[in-house]
N, C-alpha and C. Protein backbone atom coordinates (compact mmCIF):
# COMPACT_ATOMS: atom_id res chain seq x y z
N MET A 1 5.45 -16.93 -4.95
CA MET A 1 5.44 -15.29 -5.56
C MET A 1 6.88 -15.17 -5.79
N PRO A 2 6.96 -14.41 -6.80
CA PRO A 2 8.12 -14.35 -7.65
C PRO A 2 9.11 -13.25 -7.00
N GLN A 3 10.35 -13.86 -6.71
CA GLN A 3 11.62 -13.33 -6.15
C GLN A 3 12.32 -12.07 -7.19
N GLY A 4 13.38 -11.56 -6.55
CA GLY A 4 14.06 -10.62 -7.49
C GLY A 4 13.84 -10.47 -9.02
N ARG A 5 13.48 -9.73 -9.54
CA ARG A 5 12.91 -9.14 -10.96
C ARG A 5 13.85 -7.97 -11.43
N SER A 6 13.69 -7.67 -12.74
CA SER A 6 14.77 -6.82 -12.87
C SER A 6 13.73 -5.11 -12.86
N LEU A 7 14.61 -4.28 -13.00
CA LEU A 7 14.14 -2.89 -12.29
C LEU A 7 13.20 -2.12 -13.17
N VAL A 8 12.28 -2.93 -13.93
CA VAL A 8 11.37 -2.37 -14.91
C VAL A 8 10.16 -1.86 -14.41
N ASN A 9 9.39 -1.12 -14.31
CA ASN A 9 8.20 -0.81 -13.35
C ASN A 9 7.28 -1.50 -13.79
N ILE A 10 6.64 -1.73 -15.24
CA ILE A 10 5.66 -2.43 -15.74
C ILE A 10 6.48 -3.69 -16.47
N SER A 11 5.66 -4.87 -15.95
CA SER A 11 6.57 -6.58 -16.34
C SER A 11 6.26 -6.65 -17.55
N SER A 12 7.13 -7.31 -18.33
CA SER A 12 6.95 -8.08 -19.89
C SER A 12 5.42 -8.12 -20.37
N ASN A 13 4.61 -8.43 -19.22
CA ASN A 13 3.42 -9.07 -19.34
C ASN A 13 2.62 -7.85 -19.09
N GLY A 14 2.63 -6.91 -19.18
CA GLY A 14 1.76 -5.52 -19.07
C GLY A 14 1.36 -5.53 -17.94
N LYS A 15 1.54 -6.34 -16.93
CA LYS A 15 0.96 -5.95 -15.62
C LYS A 15 1.44 -5.05 -14.51
N ALA A 16 0.96 -4.30 -13.95
CA ALA A 16 1.74 -3.18 -12.68
C ALA A 16 2.17 -4.07 -11.92
N ARG A 17 3.56 -4.09 -10.96
CA ARG A 17 4.01 -4.62 -10.07
C ARG A 17 3.89 -4.10 -8.74
N ILE A 18 3.28 -5.25 -8.07
CA ILE A 18 3.08 -5.09 -6.91
C ILE A 18 3.88 -5.22 -5.56
N LEU A 19 4.29 -4.54 -4.62
CA LEU A 19 4.98 -5.18 -3.37
C LEU A 19 4.24 -5.17 -2.09
N LEU A 20 4.19 -6.19 -1.27
CA LEU A 20 3.44 -6.22 -0.04
C LEU A 20 4.17 -6.30 1.14
N ALA A 21 3.89 -5.36 1.71
CA ALA A 21 4.49 -5.49 3.12
C ALA A 21 3.67 -5.30 4.71
N ASP A 22 3.99 -6.47 5.27
CA ASP A 22 3.04 -6.64 6.50
C ASP A 22 3.59 -7.50 7.35
N ASP A 23 3.58 -7.50 8.52
CA ASP A 23 4.39 -8.37 9.60
C ASP A 23 3.38 -9.64 9.88
N HIS A 24 2.24 -10.10 9.47
CA HIS A 24 1.39 -10.93 9.71
C HIS A 24 1.55 -11.78 8.15
N GLN A 25 1.84 -12.88 8.53
CA GLN A 25 1.88 -14.06 7.28
C GLN A 25 0.78 -14.03 6.45
N ALA A 26 -0.52 -14.19 7.89
CA ALA A 26 -1.79 -14.68 7.24
C ALA A 26 -2.43 -13.79 6.47
N ILE A 27 -1.82 -12.32 6.16
CA ILE A 27 -2.44 -11.23 5.86
C ILE A 27 -1.75 -11.07 4.37
N LEU A 28 -0.32 -11.25 4.79
CA LEU A 28 0.40 -11.46 3.30
C LEU A 28 -0.23 -12.57 2.20
N ASP A 29 -0.34 -13.80 2.77
CA ASP A 29 -0.87 -14.77 1.98
C ASP A 29 -2.43 -14.49 1.41
N ARG A 30 -3.26 -13.54 2.10
CA ARG A 30 -4.40 -13.29 1.48
C ARG A 30 -4.51 -12.17 0.73
N ALA A 31 -3.23 -11.31 0.79
CA ALA A 31 -3.37 -10.00 -0.14
C ALA A 31 -2.74 -10.80 -1.30
N CYS A 32 -2.28 -11.64 -1.53
CA CYS A 32 -1.55 -12.70 -2.60
C CYS A 32 -2.76 -13.02 -3.51
N GLU A 33 -3.49 -13.82 -2.70
CA GLU A 33 -4.64 -14.69 -3.17
C GLU A 33 -5.56 -13.47 -4.06
N LEU A 34 -5.58 -12.43 -3.26
CA LEU A 34 -6.55 -11.42 -3.87
C LEU A 34 -6.06 -10.51 -5.19
N LEU A 35 -4.40 -10.48 -5.30
CA LEU A 35 -4.12 -9.68 -6.24
C LEU A 35 -3.55 -10.50 -7.40
N ASP A 36 -2.93 -11.95 -7.12
CA ASP A 36 -2.31 -12.52 -8.07
C ASP A 36 -3.11 -12.95 -9.29
N GLY A 37 -2.67 -12.80 -10.43
CA GLY A 37 -3.19 -12.82 -11.91
C GLY A 37 -3.48 -11.44 -12.27
N LYS A 38 -3.92 -10.53 -11.53
CA LYS A 38 -4.41 -9.23 -11.90
C LYS A 38 -3.52 -8.16 -12.04
N PHE A 39 -2.15 -8.63 -11.18
CA PHE A 39 -1.18 -7.83 -11.06
C PHE A 39 0.36 -8.72 -10.89
N GLU A 40 1.44 -8.10 -11.27
CA GLU A 40 2.52 -8.81 -11.16
C GLU A 40 3.13 -8.81 -9.30
N LEU A 41 3.05 -9.98 -8.93
CA LEU A 41 3.23 -9.88 -7.54
C LEU A 41 4.98 -10.06 -7.19
N VAL A 42 5.70 -8.85 -6.71
CA VAL A 42 7.08 -8.96 -7.08
C VAL A 42 7.94 -9.63 -5.71
N GLY A 43 7.18 -9.26 -4.48
CA GLY A 43 7.66 -9.66 -3.45
C GLY A 43 6.96 -9.07 -2.03
N MET A 44 7.46 -9.87 -0.91
CA MET A 44 7.03 -9.22 0.16
C MET A 44 8.16 -9.21 1.49
N ALA A 45 7.49 -8.26 2.23
CA ALA A 45 8.31 -7.55 3.26
C ALA A 45 7.55 -7.94 4.72
N GLN A 46 8.21 -8.15 5.59
CA GLN A 46 7.42 -8.44 7.25
C GLN A 46 8.02 -7.00 8.11
N ASN A 47 8.59 -6.28 7.46
CA ASN A 47 9.01 -4.95 8.55
C ASN A 47 9.26 -3.92 7.43
N GLY A 48 9.17 -2.53 8.20
CA GLY A 48 9.28 -1.53 7.26
C GLY A 48 10.52 -1.22 6.96
N LYS A 49 11.91 -1.76 7.33
CA LYS A 49 13.14 -1.42 6.80
C LYS A 49 13.29 -2.33 5.62
N ASP A 50 12.51 -3.76 5.73
CA ASP A 50 12.91 -4.63 4.40
C ASP A 50 12.22 -4.24 3.42
N ALA A 51 10.76 -3.53 3.62
CA ALA A 51 10.02 -3.00 2.79
C ALA A 51 10.86 -1.90 1.59
N LEU A 52 11.74 -1.14 2.39
CA LEU A 52 12.02 -0.10 1.79
C LEU A 52 13.45 -0.62 1.00
N GLU A 53 13.90 -1.59 1.52
CA GLU A 53 15.12 -2.38 0.45
C GLU A 53 14.36 -3.03 -0.58
N ALA A 54 13.45 -3.34 -0.51
CA ALA A 54 12.93 -4.20 -1.62
C ALA A 54 12.02 -3.05 -2.72
N ILE A 55 11.87 -1.99 -2.13
CA ILE A 55 11.52 -1.00 -2.98
C ILE A 55 12.60 -0.56 -3.95
N ASP A 56 13.51 -0.24 -3.16
CA ASP A 56 15.01 0.23 -4.00
C ASP A 56 15.49 -0.90 -4.90
N ALA A 57 15.04 -2.14 -4.76
CA ALA A 57 15.54 -3.26 -5.42
C ALA A 57 14.72 -3.63 -6.43
N MET A 58 13.27 -3.59 -6.29
CA MET A 58 12.21 -3.90 -7.40
C MET A 58 11.51 -3.19 -8.01
N GLN A 59 11.48 -1.73 -7.44
CA GLN A 59 11.00 -0.93 -7.95
C GLN A 59 9.47 -0.98 -8.26
N PRO A 60 8.48 -1.34 -7.47
CA PRO A 60 7.38 -1.72 -7.61
C PRO A 60 6.49 -0.43 -8.00
N ASP A 61 5.28 -0.49 -8.75
CA ASP A 61 4.16 0.43 -9.29
C ASP A 61 3.74 0.96 -7.69
N VAL A 62 3.20 -0.30 -7.12
CA VAL A 62 2.41 -0.08 -5.85
C VAL A 62 2.69 -0.71 -4.64
N LEU A 63 2.91 -0.55 -3.45
CA LEU A 63 3.33 -0.92 -2.43
C LEU A 63 2.27 -1.00 -1.73
N VAL A 64 1.84 -1.94 -1.15
CA VAL A 64 0.68 -2.23 -0.12
C VAL A 64 1.15 -2.50 1.08
N LEU A 65 1.35 -1.57 2.06
CA LEU A 65 1.91 -1.33 3.44
C LEU A 65 0.83 -1.21 4.60
N ASP A 66 1.13 -1.82 5.59
CA ASP A 66 0.91 -1.99 6.89
C ASP A 66 1.58 -0.75 7.45
N ILE A 67 0.31 -0.42 8.58
CA ILE A 67 0.80 0.70 9.45
C ILE A 67 1.94 0.29 10.56
N GLY A 68 1.34 -0.66 11.27
CA GLY A 68 2.00 -1.28 12.26
C GLY A 68 2.85 -2.38 12.19
N MET A 69 4.07 -2.22 11.90
CA MET A 69 5.24 -3.07 11.80
C MET A 69 6.55 -2.69 12.44
N PRO A 70 7.06 -4.13 12.85
CA PRO A 70 8.45 -3.94 13.35
C PRO A 70 9.90 -3.03 12.48
N ALA A 71 10.51 -2.80 13.01
CA ALA A 71 11.88 -2.48 12.39
C ALA A 71 11.36 -0.49 12.02
N LEU A 72 10.45 -0.53 11.16
CA LEU A 72 9.74 0.80 10.87
C LEU A 72 8.57 0.86 10.68
N ASP A 73 7.75 1.82 10.99
CA ASP A 73 6.45 1.65 10.85
C ASP A 73 6.06 2.04 9.77
N GLY A 74 4.68 1.88 8.98
CA GLY A 74 4.37 2.10 7.63
C GLY A 74 4.45 3.81 7.55
N ILE A 75 3.84 4.41 8.74
CA ILE A 75 4.15 5.82 8.19
C ILE A 75 5.30 6.41 8.24
N ARG A 76 6.06 5.94 8.92
CA ARG A 76 7.91 6.24 8.89
C ARG A 76 8.34 5.72 7.30
N VAL A 77 7.97 4.56 6.86
CA VAL A 77 8.31 4.24 5.42
C VAL A 77 7.81 5.25 4.56
N MET A 78 6.86 5.81 4.69
CA MET A 78 6.18 6.74 3.90
C MET A 78 7.10 7.96 4.18
N GLN A 79 7.38 8.34 5.18
CA GLN A 79 7.84 9.67 5.34
C GLN A 79 8.84 9.37 4.59
N GLN A 80 10.08 8.27 4.53
CA GLN A 80 11.22 8.25 4.08
C GLN A 80 11.16 7.96 2.21
N LEU A 81 9.95 7.44 1.93
CA LEU A 81 9.91 7.38 0.41
C LEU A 81 9.61 8.74 0.01
N GLN A 82 8.83 9.59 0.96
CA GLN A 82 8.56 10.80 0.46
C GLN A 82 9.89 11.70 0.26
N GLU A 83 10.84 11.54 1.26
CA GLU A 83 12.15 12.11 1.06
C GLU A 83 12.76 11.96 -0.17
N LYS A 84 12.57 10.55 -0.65
CA LYS A 84 13.41 10.28 -1.62
C LYS A 84 12.60 10.36 -3.24
N ARG A 85 11.70 10.99 -2.67
CA ARG A 85 10.77 11.41 -3.97
C ARG A 85 10.59 9.91 -5.22
N SER A 86 10.29 9.23 -4.16
CA SER A 86 9.87 7.86 -4.92
C SER A 86 8.72 7.71 -5.62
N PRO A 87 8.85 7.15 -6.89
CA PRO A 87 7.53 7.07 -7.59
C PRO A 87 6.57 6.05 -7.30
N THR A 88 6.92 5.03 -6.59
CA THR A 88 6.06 3.92 -5.85
C THR A 88 4.89 4.76 -5.44
N LYS A 89 3.70 4.24 -5.93
CA LYS A 89 2.32 4.70 -5.02
C LYS A 89 2.03 3.90 -3.94
N VAL A 90 1.42 4.07 -2.99
CA VAL A 90 1.20 3.54 -1.71
C VAL A 90 -0.13 3.07 -1.50
N VAL A 91 -0.79 1.99 -0.99
CA VAL A 91 -1.81 1.60 -0.67
C VAL A 91 -1.92 1.41 0.89
N PHE A 92 -2.24 1.72 1.60
CA PHE A 92 -2.03 1.32 3.29
C PHE A 92 -3.08 0.29 3.48
N LEU A 93 -2.57 -0.90 4.18
CA LEU A 93 -3.61 -2.38 4.17
C LEU A 93 -3.63 -2.16 5.85
N THR A 94 -4.68 -1.79 6.66
CA THR A 94 -4.31 -2.02 8.13
C THR A 94 -5.55 -2.02 8.91
N VAL A 95 -5.10 -2.14 10.45
CA VAL A 95 -6.87 -2.39 11.15
C VAL A 95 -6.98 -0.68 11.43
N GLN A 96 -6.16 -0.11 11.07
CA GLN A 96 -6.05 1.27 12.08
C GLN A 96 -7.49 2.24 11.00
N ASP A 97 -8.33 2.43 11.50
CA ASP A 97 -9.42 3.49 11.05
C ASP A 97 -9.86 4.81 11.85
N ASP A 98 -8.50 5.04 12.63
CA ASP A 98 -8.92 6.33 13.18
C ASP A 98 -8.48 7.42 12.09
N PRO A 99 -9.15 8.74 12.03
CA PRO A 99 -9.15 9.82 11.46
C PRO A 99 -7.38 10.09 11.17
N ASP A 100 -6.78 10.32 12.67
CA ASP A 100 -5.57 10.77 12.72
C ASP A 100 -4.71 9.66 11.69
N TYR A 101 -4.73 8.33 11.75
CA TYR A 101 -3.66 7.45 11.01
C TYR A 101 -3.81 7.99 9.32
N VAL A 102 -5.35 8.11 8.97
CA VAL A 102 -5.65 8.43 7.64
C VAL A 102 -5.01 9.71 7.33
N GLU A 103 -4.97 10.75 8.12
CA GLU A 103 -4.59 12.09 7.67
C GLU A 103 -3.22 11.90 7.82
N ALA A 104 -2.46 11.03 8.52
CA ALA A 104 -1.08 11.39 8.40
C ALA A 104 -0.54 10.40 7.21
N ALA A 105 -1.17 9.20 6.90
CA ALA A 105 -1.09 8.19 5.61
C ALA A 105 -1.01 9.12 4.37
N PHE A 106 -2.02 10.15 3.96
CA PHE A 106 -1.95 10.82 3.22
C PHE A 106 -1.77 12.30 3.16
N HIS A 107 -1.06 12.60 4.05
CA HIS A 107 -0.08 13.69 4.57
C HIS A 107 1.32 13.32 3.93
N TYR A 108 1.58 12.17 3.95
CA TYR A 108 2.89 11.59 3.52
C TYR A 108 2.76 11.02 2.23
N GLY A 109 1.80 10.75 1.38
CA GLY A 109 1.69 10.50 -0.12
C GLY A 109 0.89 9.57 -0.16
N ALA A 110 0.23 8.88 0.46
CA ALA A 110 -0.34 7.70 0.07
C ALA A 110 -1.64 8.01 -0.80
N ARG A 111 -2.08 7.01 -1.62
CA ARG A 111 -3.08 7.27 -2.50
C ARG A 111 -4.17 6.51 -1.85
N GLY A 112 -3.93 5.74 -1.13
CA GLY A 112 -5.09 4.42 -0.71
C GLY A 112 -5.01 3.79 0.31
N TYR A 113 -6.05 3.62 1.15
CA TYR A 113 -6.08 3.63 2.72
C TYR A 113 -7.32 2.37 2.46
N VAL A 114 -7.04 1.17 2.80
CA VAL A 114 -8.01 0.01 3.23
C VAL A 114 -7.71 -0.46 4.57
N THR A 115 -9.25 -0.73 5.22
CA THR A 115 -8.99 -1.55 6.52
C THR A 115 -9.03 -2.76 6.03
N LYS A 116 -8.31 -3.67 6.88
CA LYS A 116 -8.16 -5.03 7.04
C LYS A 116 -9.53 -5.80 6.94
N PRO A 117 -10.27 -5.47 7.63
CA PRO A 117 -11.56 -6.08 7.70
C PRO A 117 -12.39 -6.10 6.56
N ARG A 118 -12.10 -5.02 5.39
CA ARG A 118 -12.38 -4.88 4.16
C ARG A 118 -11.59 -5.35 3.34
N MET A 119 -10.65 -5.96 3.38
CA MET A 119 -9.51 -6.26 2.30
C MET A 119 -10.16 -6.98 1.35
N ASN A 120 -11.02 -8.12 1.61
CA ASN A 120 -11.68 -9.07 0.61
C ASN A 120 -12.43 -8.25 -0.63
N SER A 121 -12.98 -6.91 0.10
CA SER A 121 -14.00 -6.27 -1.25
C SER A 121 -13.16 -5.23 -1.70
N ASP A 122 -12.27 -4.36 -0.94
CA ASP A 122 -11.70 -3.35 -1.44
C ASP A 122 -10.25 -3.42 -1.68
N LEU A 123 -9.38 -4.35 -1.63
CA LEU A 123 -8.15 -4.38 -2.22
C LEU A 123 -7.57 -4.04 -3.43
N VAL A 124 -8.40 -5.09 -4.43
CA VAL A 124 -8.08 -4.91 -5.80
C VAL A 124 -8.75 -3.42 -6.09
N SER A 125 -9.67 -3.17 -5.55
CA SER A 125 -10.34 -1.64 -6.33
C SER A 125 -9.29 -0.86 -6.05
N ALA A 126 -8.98 -0.80 -4.77
CA ALA A 126 -8.13 0.40 -4.16
C ALA A 126 -6.71 0.16 -4.96
N VAL A 127 -6.03 -0.78 -5.18
CA VAL A 127 -5.02 -0.75 -6.32
C VAL A 127 -5.22 -0.29 -7.71
N GLN A 128 -6.45 -0.77 -8.22
CA GLN A 128 -7.06 -0.47 -9.53
C GLN A 128 -7.11 1.29 -9.57
N GLU A 129 -7.63 1.92 -8.66
CA GLU A 129 -7.96 3.20 -8.43
C GLU A 129 -6.65 4.00 -8.40
N VAL A 130 -5.63 3.65 -7.47
CA VAL A 130 -4.43 4.39 -7.29
C VAL A 130 -3.40 4.27 -8.58
N LEU A 131 -3.61 2.94 -9.13
CA LEU A 131 -2.77 2.97 -10.49
C LEU A 131 -3.59 3.85 -11.59
N ALA A 132 -4.82 3.87 -11.46
CA ALA A 132 -5.40 5.18 -12.50
C ALA A 132 -5.31 6.58 -12.27
N GLY A 133 -4.80 7.03 -11.00
CA GLY A 133 -4.17 8.19 -10.61
C GLY A 133 -5.18 8.82 -9.73
N ARG A 134 -5.99 7.87 -8.89
CA ARG A 134 -7.15 8.44 -8.20
C ARG A 134 -6.70 7.91 -6.86
N THR A 135 -7.63 8.33 -5.63
CA THR A 135 -7.34 8.24 -4.30
C THR A 135 -8.65 6.87 -4.25
N PHE A 136 -8.06 6.22 -2.96
CA PHE A 136 -9.31 4.80 -2.48
C PHE A 136 -9.27 5.18 -0.91
N VAL A 137 -10.40 5.33 -0.42
CA VAL A 137 -10.32 5.10 1.00
C VAL A 137 -11.82 4.17 1.17
N SER A 138 -11.28 3.40 2.14
CA SER A 138 -12.38 2.02 2.61
C SER A 138 -13.59 3.22 3.10
N PRO A 139 -15.12 2.52 2.76
CA PRO A 139 -16.01 3.07 3.09
C PRO A 139 -16.08 3.22 4.60
N THR A 140 -15.72 2.39 5.36
CA THR A 140 -15.93 2.50 6.82
C THR A 140 -14.91 3.40 7.46
N VAL A 141 -14.14 4.23 6.87
CA VAL A 141 -13.32 5.05 7.24
C VAL A 141 -13.68 6.60 7.13
N ALA A 142 -13.77 7.07 8.31
CA ALA A 142 -14.47 8.71 8.59
C ALA A 142 -13.57 9.39 7.62
N PHE A 143 -14.02 9.92 6.39
CA PHE A 143 -13.01 10.86 5.85
C PHE A 143 -13.86 11.86 4.81
N SER A 144 -13.44 12.91 4.58
CA SER A 144 -14.24 13.90 3.92
C SER A 144 -14.52 13.60 2.45
N GLY A 145 -15.33 14.40 2.03
CA GLY A 145 -15.84 13.91 0.24
C GLY A 145 -14.46 13.88 -0.43
N ASP A 146 -13.27 14.86 -0.38
CA ASP A 146 -12.28 15.22 -1.26
C ASP A 146 -11.32 14.36 -0.96
N GLY A 147 -11.14 12.90 -0.26
CA GLY A 147 -10.57 12.37 -0.18
C GLY A 147 -8.83 12.49 0.26
N LEU A 148 -9.24 13.78 1.11
CA LEU A 148 -7.87 14.59 1.08
C LEU A 148 -7.81 14.71 2.52
N ALA A 149 -8.69 15.00 3.55
CA ALA A 149 -8.66 15.12 4.78
C ALA A 149 -10.01 14.46 5.56
N PRO A 150 -9.25 14.02 6.74
CA PRO A 150 -10.70 13.68 7.74
C PRO A 150 -11.89 14.00 8.03
N LYS A 151 -12.66 13.64 8.20
CA LYS A 151 -13.98 14.58 8.44
C LYS A 151 -14.14 15.07 9.73
N THR A 152 -14.53 16.19 10.22
CA THR A 152 -14.65 17.00 11.37
C THR A 152 -15.75 16.14 11.96
N GLN A 153 -15.89 15.28 13.10
CA GLN A 153 -16.84 15.30 14.05
C GLN A 153 -17.58 16.11 14.67
N ASP A 154 -18.90 15.90 14.64
CA ASP A 154 -19.77 17.15 15.17
C ASP A 154 -19.94 17.10 16.90
């Protein structure tokens, strides 16, 4: 995993810059395996506070972010990014598939939402979709067709 790089959004090799934030090393390792080679992995953080500091220092194109982390949870990280008007796009990678979490994530500006059980099949696609200006939600998440509001339960 490359550490501190220049503050250029697209690397010299033309690949989008990705920062990973999760408090479980096994998830970080697997995400690296899935994304490495397709994108430039610029760093990892294991709590929300470190993720915010890494965003300021590394200016990634995409942050792959867990919701449940120490120091600052993923939703609060999103709130702070929104307040700062950060251009970094966010893809949540989480065990949470509750529509309330999805709604909160998109309310604060997330563009992608991947559940950890679907990480192997969905993470690369989610990052690609978000970089293309579209949204992505794992198919197992109850979410409305417009990609911006949770489905209502009958």
